[in-house]
Amino acid sequence: MRTFVVVAAIGLLASCAGAARPDRQAEQQALMQTSREWAKAAASGDAERTVPYWADDAVVLAPDQPAMVGKAAIRDFINQTRTIPQFSITWEPEQATVAASGDFGYLVEHNRVTFADSTGALHTQYGKAVTVWRKDASGAWKCVIDTWNNNPTERVLAR
């Protein structure tokens, strides 16, 4: 019996040691692409296409707003933005970092929000953002923390 346990333990260690490490560069590209697809969903104005990119326990930290926790609160926030005249939002990831495990990462992103004020004048604000992501059980990237603020220029990082 002891021999079996030792052989099984050695086999388990060997399989763990030989386990393939995630391709972090590929994961970074996949994370950036997920954010780009999310931006397209948000641009559609459809909360039901936008909300699934957040994890069930996501926290959104919008400027000058209380923290929104969970998809129901986030959905309400999105629907409120849709009542702002000529509101639109878009963003683009600039830099991705993924953990060695391949299941956790973050993005530095820039965004652009356009809206009309009470006189009908159109305004555009540039912003910078950090989003924190983890993979769910199916392997899909889900945003767990989303925070942003204004930025004086369109891009965040120097090229």
C-alpha atoms as a PDB file:
ATOM      1  CA  MET A   1       0.000   0.000   0.000  1.00  0.00           C
ATOM      2  CA  ARG A   2       2.821   2.416   0.833  1.00  0.00           C
ATOM      3  CA  THR A   3       4.422   1.842  -2.533  1.00  0.00           C
ATOM      4  CA  PHE A   4       1.159   2.690  -4.264  1.00  0.00           C
ATOM      5  CA  VAL A   5       0.767   5.939  -2.296  1.00  0.00           C
ATOM      6  CA  VAL A   6       4.357   6.986  -3.070  1.00  0.00           C
ATOM      7  CA  VAL A   7       3.971   6.138  -6.765  1.00  0.00           C
ATOM      8  CA  ALA A   8       0.623   7.991  -6.893  1.00  0.00           C
ATOM      9  CA  ALA A   9       2.141  11.035  -5.176  1.00  0.00           C
ATOM     10  CA  ILE A  10       5.111  11.076  -7.588  1.00  0.00           C
ATOM     11  CA  GLY A  11       2.729  10.792 -10.525  1.00  0.00           C
ATOM     12  CA  LEU A  12       0.609  13.659  -9.193  1.00  0.00           C
ATOM     13  CA  LEU A  13       3.676  15.867  -8.694  1.00  0.00           C
ATOM     14  CA  ALA A  14       4.951  15.042 -12.160  1.00  0.00           C
ATOM     15  CA  SER A  15       1.620  15.905 -13.749  1.00  0.00           C
ATOM     16  CA  CYS A  16       1.485  19.191 -11.832  1.00  0.00           C
ATOM     17  CA  ALA A  17       5.063  20.033 -12.755  1.00  0.00           C
ATOM     18  CA  GLY A  18       4.353  19.212 -16.375  1.00  0.00           C
ATOM     19  CA  ALA A  19       1.099  21.150 -16.466  1.00  0.00           C
ATOM     20  CA  ALA A  20       1.127  23.691 -19.236  1.00  0.00           C
ATOM     21  CA  ARG A  21       1.420  27.284 -18.113  1.00  0.00           C
ATOM     22  CA  PRO A  22      -1.065  29.658 -19.705  1.00  0.00           C
ATOM     23  CA  ASP A  23       0.213  31.727 -22.607  1.00  0.00           C
ATOM     24  CA  ARG A  24       0.084  35.104 -20.857  1.00  0.00           C
ATOM     25  CA  GLN A  25       0.506  37.092 -24.054  1.00  0.00           C
ATOM     26  CA  ALA A  26      -2.426  35.254 -25.627  1.00  0.00           C
ATOM     27  CA  GLU A  27      -4.475  35.798 -22.465  1.00  0.00           C
ATOM     28  CA  GLN A  28      -3.640  39.522 -22.506  1.00  0.00           C
ATOM     29  CA  GLN A  29      -4.843  39.751 -26.105  1.00  0.00           C
ATOM     30  CA  ALA A  30      -8.000  37.784 -25.242  1.00  0.00           C
ATOM     31  CA  LEU A  31      -8.687  40.109 -22.313  1.00  0.00           C
ATOM     32  CA  MET A  32      -8.242  43.197 -24.494  1.00  0.00           C
ATOM     33  CA  GLN A  33     -10.525  41.707 -27.142  1.00  0.00           C
ATOM     34  CA  THR A  34     -13.163  40.966 -24.498  1.00  0.00           C
ATOM     35  CA  SER A  35     -13.057  44.635 -23.463  1.00  0.00           C
ATOM     36  CA  ARG A  36     -13.428  45.740 -27.104  1.00  0.00           C
ATOM     37  CA  GLU A  37     -16.459  43.478 -27.539  1.00  0.00           C
ATOM     38  CA  TRP A  38     -17.886  44.846 -24.294  1.00  0.00           C
ATOM     39  CA  ALA A  39     -17.443  48.419 -25.595  1.00  0.00           C
ATOM     40  CA  LYS A  40     -19.437  47.488 -28.714  1.00  0.00           C
ATOM     41  CA  ALA A  41     -22.187  46.017 -26.546  1.00  0.00           C
ATOM     42  CA  ALA A  42     -22.250  49.189 -24.406  1.00  0.00           C
ATOM     43  CA  ALA A  43     -22.398  51.390 -27.513  1.00  0.00           C
ATOM     44  CA  SER A  44     -25.572  49.576 -28.542  1.00  0.00           C
ATOM     45  CA  GLY A  45     -27.380  51.052 -25.542  1.00  0.00           C
ATOM     46  CA  ASP A  46     -28.717  47.620 -24.591  1.00  0.00           C
ATOM     47  CA  ALA A  47     -28.127  46.918 -20.885  1.00  0.00           C
ATOM     48  CA  GLU A  48     -28.911  43.231 -21.410  1.00  0.00           C
ATOM     49  CA  ARG A  49     -25.965  42.978 -23.832  1.00  0.00           C
ATOM     50  CA  THR A  50     -23.684  45.020 -21.558  1.00  0.00           C
ATOM     51  CA  VAL A  51     -24.288  43.630 -18.059  1.00  0.00           C
ATOM     52  CA  PRO A  52     -23.102  40.039 -18.733  1.00  0.00           C
ATOM     53  CA  TYR A  53     -19.501  41.252 -19.030  1.00  0.00           C
ATOM     54  CA  TRP A  54     -19.509  41.941 -15.276  1.00  0.00           C
ATOM     55  CA  ALA A  55     -19.217  39.162 -12.697  1.00  0.00           C
ATOM     56  CA  ASP A  56     -22.235  38.578 -10.450  1.00  0.00           C
ATOM     57  CA  ASP A  57     -20.325  40.159  -7.534  1.00  0.00           C
ATOM     58  CA  ALA A  58     -18.829  43.031  -9.548  1.00  0.00           C
ATOM     59  CA  VAL A  59     -18.225  46.446  -8.008  1.00  0.00           C
ATOM     60  CA  VAL A  60     -18.510  49.597 -10.142  1.00  0.00           C
ATOM     61  CA  LEU A  61     -16.874  52.729  -8.750  1.00  0.00           C
ATOM     62  CA  ALA A  62     -18.148  55.547 -10.959  1.00  0.00           C
ATOM     63  CA  PRO A  63     -17.040  59.143 -10.335  1.00  0.00           C
ATOM     64  CA  ASP A  64     -19.159  61.022  -7.794  1.00  0.00           C
ATOM     65  CA  GLN A  65     -21.444  58.010  -7.273  1.00  0.00           C
ATOM     66  CA  PRO A  66     -21.843  55.499  -4.454  1.00  0.00           C
ATOM     67  CA  ALA A  67     -20.379  52.056  -5.160  1.00  0.00           C
ATOM     68  CA  MET A  68     -22.653  49.796  -7.168  1.00  0.00           C
ATOM     69  CA  VAL A  69     -22.409  46.154  -6.167  1.00  0.00           C
ATOM     70  CA  GLY A  70     -23.872  43.346  -8.220  1.00  0.00           C
ATOM     71  CA  LYS A  71     -25.546  43.138 -11.585  1.00  0.00           C
ATOM     72  CA  ALA A  72     -28.935  44.539 -10.513  1.00  0.00           C
ATOM     73  CA  ALA A  73     -27.382  47.797  -9.264  1.00  0.00           C
ATOM     74  CA  ILE A  74     -25.151  47.995 -12.335  1.00  0.00           C
ATOM     75  CA  ARG A  75     -28.107  47.410 -14.674  1.00  0.00           C
ATOM     76  CA  ASP A  76     -30.007  50.256 -12.946  1.00  0.00           C
ATOM     77  CA  PHE A  77     -26.988  52.551 -13.401  1.00  0.00           C
ATOM     78  CA  ILE A  78     -26.745  51.717 -17.106  1.00  0.00           C
ATOM     79  CA  ASN A  79     -30.459  52.309 -17.602  1.00  0.00           C
ATOM     80  CA  GLN A  80     -30.149  55.702 -15.851  1.00  0.00           C
ATOM     81  CA  THR A  81     -27.369  56.764 -18.236  1.00  0.00           C
ATOM     82  CA  ARG A  82     -29.673  55.990 -21.146  1.00  0.00           C
ATOM     83  CA  THR A  83     -31.995  58.776 -19.983  1.00  0.00           C
ATOM     84  CA  ILE A  84     -29.241  61.385 -20.504  1.00  0.00           C
ATOM     85  CA  PRO A  85     -29.830  63.176 -23.834  1.00  0.00           C
ATOM     86  CA  GLN A  86     -27.472  61.999 -26.601  1.00  0.00           C
ATOM     87  CA  PHE A  87     -25.479  59.861 -24.162  1.00  0.00           C
ATOM     88  CA  SER A  88     -22.846  57.567 -25.615  1.00  0.00           C
ATOM     89  CA  ILE A  89     -19.794  55.821 -24.257  1.00  0.00           C
ATOM     90  CA  THR A  90     -16.919  53.992 -25.839  1.00  0.00           C
ATOM     91  CA  TRP A  91     -13.548  52.792 -24.650  1.00  0.00           C
ATOM     92  CA  GLU A  92     -10.380  51.054 -25.734  1.00  0.00           C
ATOM     93  CA  PRO A  93      -7.902  49.053 -23.672  1.00  0.00           C
ATOM     94  CA  GLU A  94      -4.331  50.363 -23.745  1.00  0.00           C
ATOM     95  CA  GLN A  95      -2.492  47.839 -21.583  1.00  0.00           C
ATOM     96  CA  ALA A  96      -3.288  44.382 -20.230  1.00  0.00           C
ATOM     97  CA  THR A  97      -1.622  42.465 -17.438  1.00  0.00           C
ATOM     98  CA  VAL A  98      -2.490  38.838 -16.693  1.00  0.00           C
ATOM     99  CA  ALA A  99      -1.338  36.791 -13.699  1.00  0.00           C
ATOM    100  CA  ALA A 100       0.929  33.807 -14.268  1.00  0.00           C
ATOM    101  CA  SER A 101      -2.063  31.585 -13.444  1.00  0.00           C
ATOM    102  CA  GLY A 102      -3.871  33.017 -16.477  1.00  0.00           C
ATOM    103  CA  ASP A 103      -7.152  33.527 -14.624  1.00  0.00           C
ATOM    104  CA  PHE A 104      -6.799  37.028 -13.196  1.00  0.00           C
ATOM    105  CA  GLY A 105      -5.831  40.304 -14.828  1.00  0.00           C
ATOM    106  CA  TYR A 106      -6.371  44.010 -15.199  1.00  0.00           C
ATOM    107  CA  LEU A 107      -6.615  46.584 -17.967  1.00  0.00           C
ATOM    108  CA  VAL A 108      -5.673  50.247 -18.224  1.00  0.00           C
ATOM    109  CA  GLU A 109      -8.174  51.811 -20.608  1.00  0.00           C
ATOM    110  CA  HIS A 110      -9.300  55.148 -21.985  1.00  0.00           C
ATOM    111  CA  ASN A 111     -12.889  56.114 -22.548  1.00  0.00           C
ATOM    112  CA  ARG A 112     -14.958  58.829 -24.150  1.00  0.00           C
ATOM    113  CA  VAL A 113     -18.399  59.891 -22.921  1.00  0.00           C
ATOM    114  CA  THR A 114     -20.607  62.221 -24.949  1.00  0.00           C
ATOM    115  CA  PHE A 115     -23.823  63.831 -23.745  1.00  0.00           C
ATOM    116  CA  ALA A 116     -25.994  66.912 -24.219  1.00  0.00           C
ATOM    117  CA  ASP A 117     -26.430  69.437 -21.413  1.00  0.00           C
ATOM    118  CA  SER A 118     -29.707  71.146 -20.516  1.00  0.00           C
ATOM    119  CA  THR A 119     -29.265  73.641 -23.394  1.00  0.00           C
ATOM    120  CA  GLY A 120     -28.711  70.852 -25.900  1.00  0.00           C
ATOM    121  CA  ALA A 121     -24.994  71.606 -26.291  1.00  0.00           C
ATOM    122  CA  LEU A 122     -23.001  68.441 -26.889  1.00  0.00           C
ATOM    123  CA  HIS A 123     -20.053  67.695 -24.573  1.00  0.00           C
ATOM    124  CA  THR A 124     -17.327  65.058 -24.741  1.00  0.00           C
ATOM    125  CA  GLN A 125     -15.319  63.968 -21.725  1.00  0.00           C
ATOM    126  CA  TYR A 126     -12.211  61.804 -21.871  1.00  0.00           C
ATOM    127  CA  GLY A 127     -11.544  59.366 -19.086  1.00  0.00           C
ATOM    128  CA  LYS A 128      -9.032  56.855 -17.802  1.00  0.00           C
ATOM    129  CA  ALA A 129     -10.061  53.554 -16.296  1.00  0.00           C
ATOM    130  CA  VAL A 130      -8.814  50.460 -14.551  1.00  0.00           C
ATOM    131  CA  THR A 131     -10.810  47.274 -14.812  1.00  0.00           C
ATOM    132  CA  VAL A 132      -9.983  44.134 -12.856  1.00  0.00           C
ATOM    133  CA  TRP A 133     -10.942  40.795 -14.371  1.00  0.00           C
ATOM    134  CA  ARG A 134     -11.108  37.109 -13.472  1.00  0.00           C
ATOM    135  CA  LYS A 135     -12.113  34.072 -15.435  1.00  0.00           C
ATOM    136  CA  ASP A 136     -15.343  32.376 -14.487  1.00  0.00           C
ATOM    137  CA  ALA A 137     -15.898  28.605 -14.339  1.00  0.00           C
ATOM    138  CA  SER A 138     -16.444  28.491 -18.116  1.00  0.00           C
ATOM    139  CA  GLY A 139     -13.152  30.301 -18.802  1.00  0.00           C
ATOM    140  CA  ALA A 140     -14.808  33.590 -19.843  1.00  0.00           C
ATOM    141  CA  TRP A 141     -13.283  36.866 -18.654  1.00  0.00           C
ATOM    142  CA  LYS A 142     -15.625  38.805 -16.312  1.00  0.00           C
ATOM    143  CA  CYS A 143     -15.027  42.285 -14.918  1.00  0.00           C
ATOM    144  CA  VAL A 144     -15.005  42.295 -11.102  1.00  0.00           C
ATOM    145  CA  ILE A 145     -13.968  45.912 -10.434  1.00  0.00           C
ATOM    146  CA  ASP A 146     -14.601  48.825 -12.782  1.00  0.00           C
ATOM    147  CA  THR A 147     -13.453  52.336 -11.911  1.00  0.00           C
ATOM    148  CA  TRP A 148     -12.697  55.485 -13.890  1.00  0.00           C
ATOM    149  CA  ASN A 149     -12.282  59.241 -13.714  1.00  0.00           C
ATOM    150  CA  ASN A 150     -11.704  62.155 -16.071  1.00  0.00           C
ATOM    151  CA  ASN A 151      -8.517  62.545 -18.077  1.00  0.00           C
ATOM    152  CA  PRO A 152      -7.270  65.702 -19.827  1.00  0.00           C
ATOM    153  CA  THR A 153      -6.447  63.831 -23.060  1.00  0.00           C
ATOM    154  CA  GLU A 154      -7.929  60.960 -24.977  1.00  0.00           C
ATOM    155  CA  ARG A 155      -5.127  58.458 -24.333  1.00  0.00           C
ATOM    156  CA  VAL A 156      -3.919  57.500 -20.868  1.00  0.00           C
ATOM    157  CA  LEU A 157      -0.456  56.042 -21.485  1.00  0.00           C
ATOM    158  CA  ALA A 158       2.279  57.437 -23.692  1.00  0.00           C
ATOM    159  CA  ARG A 159       2.878  55.279 -26.730  1.00  0.00           C
END
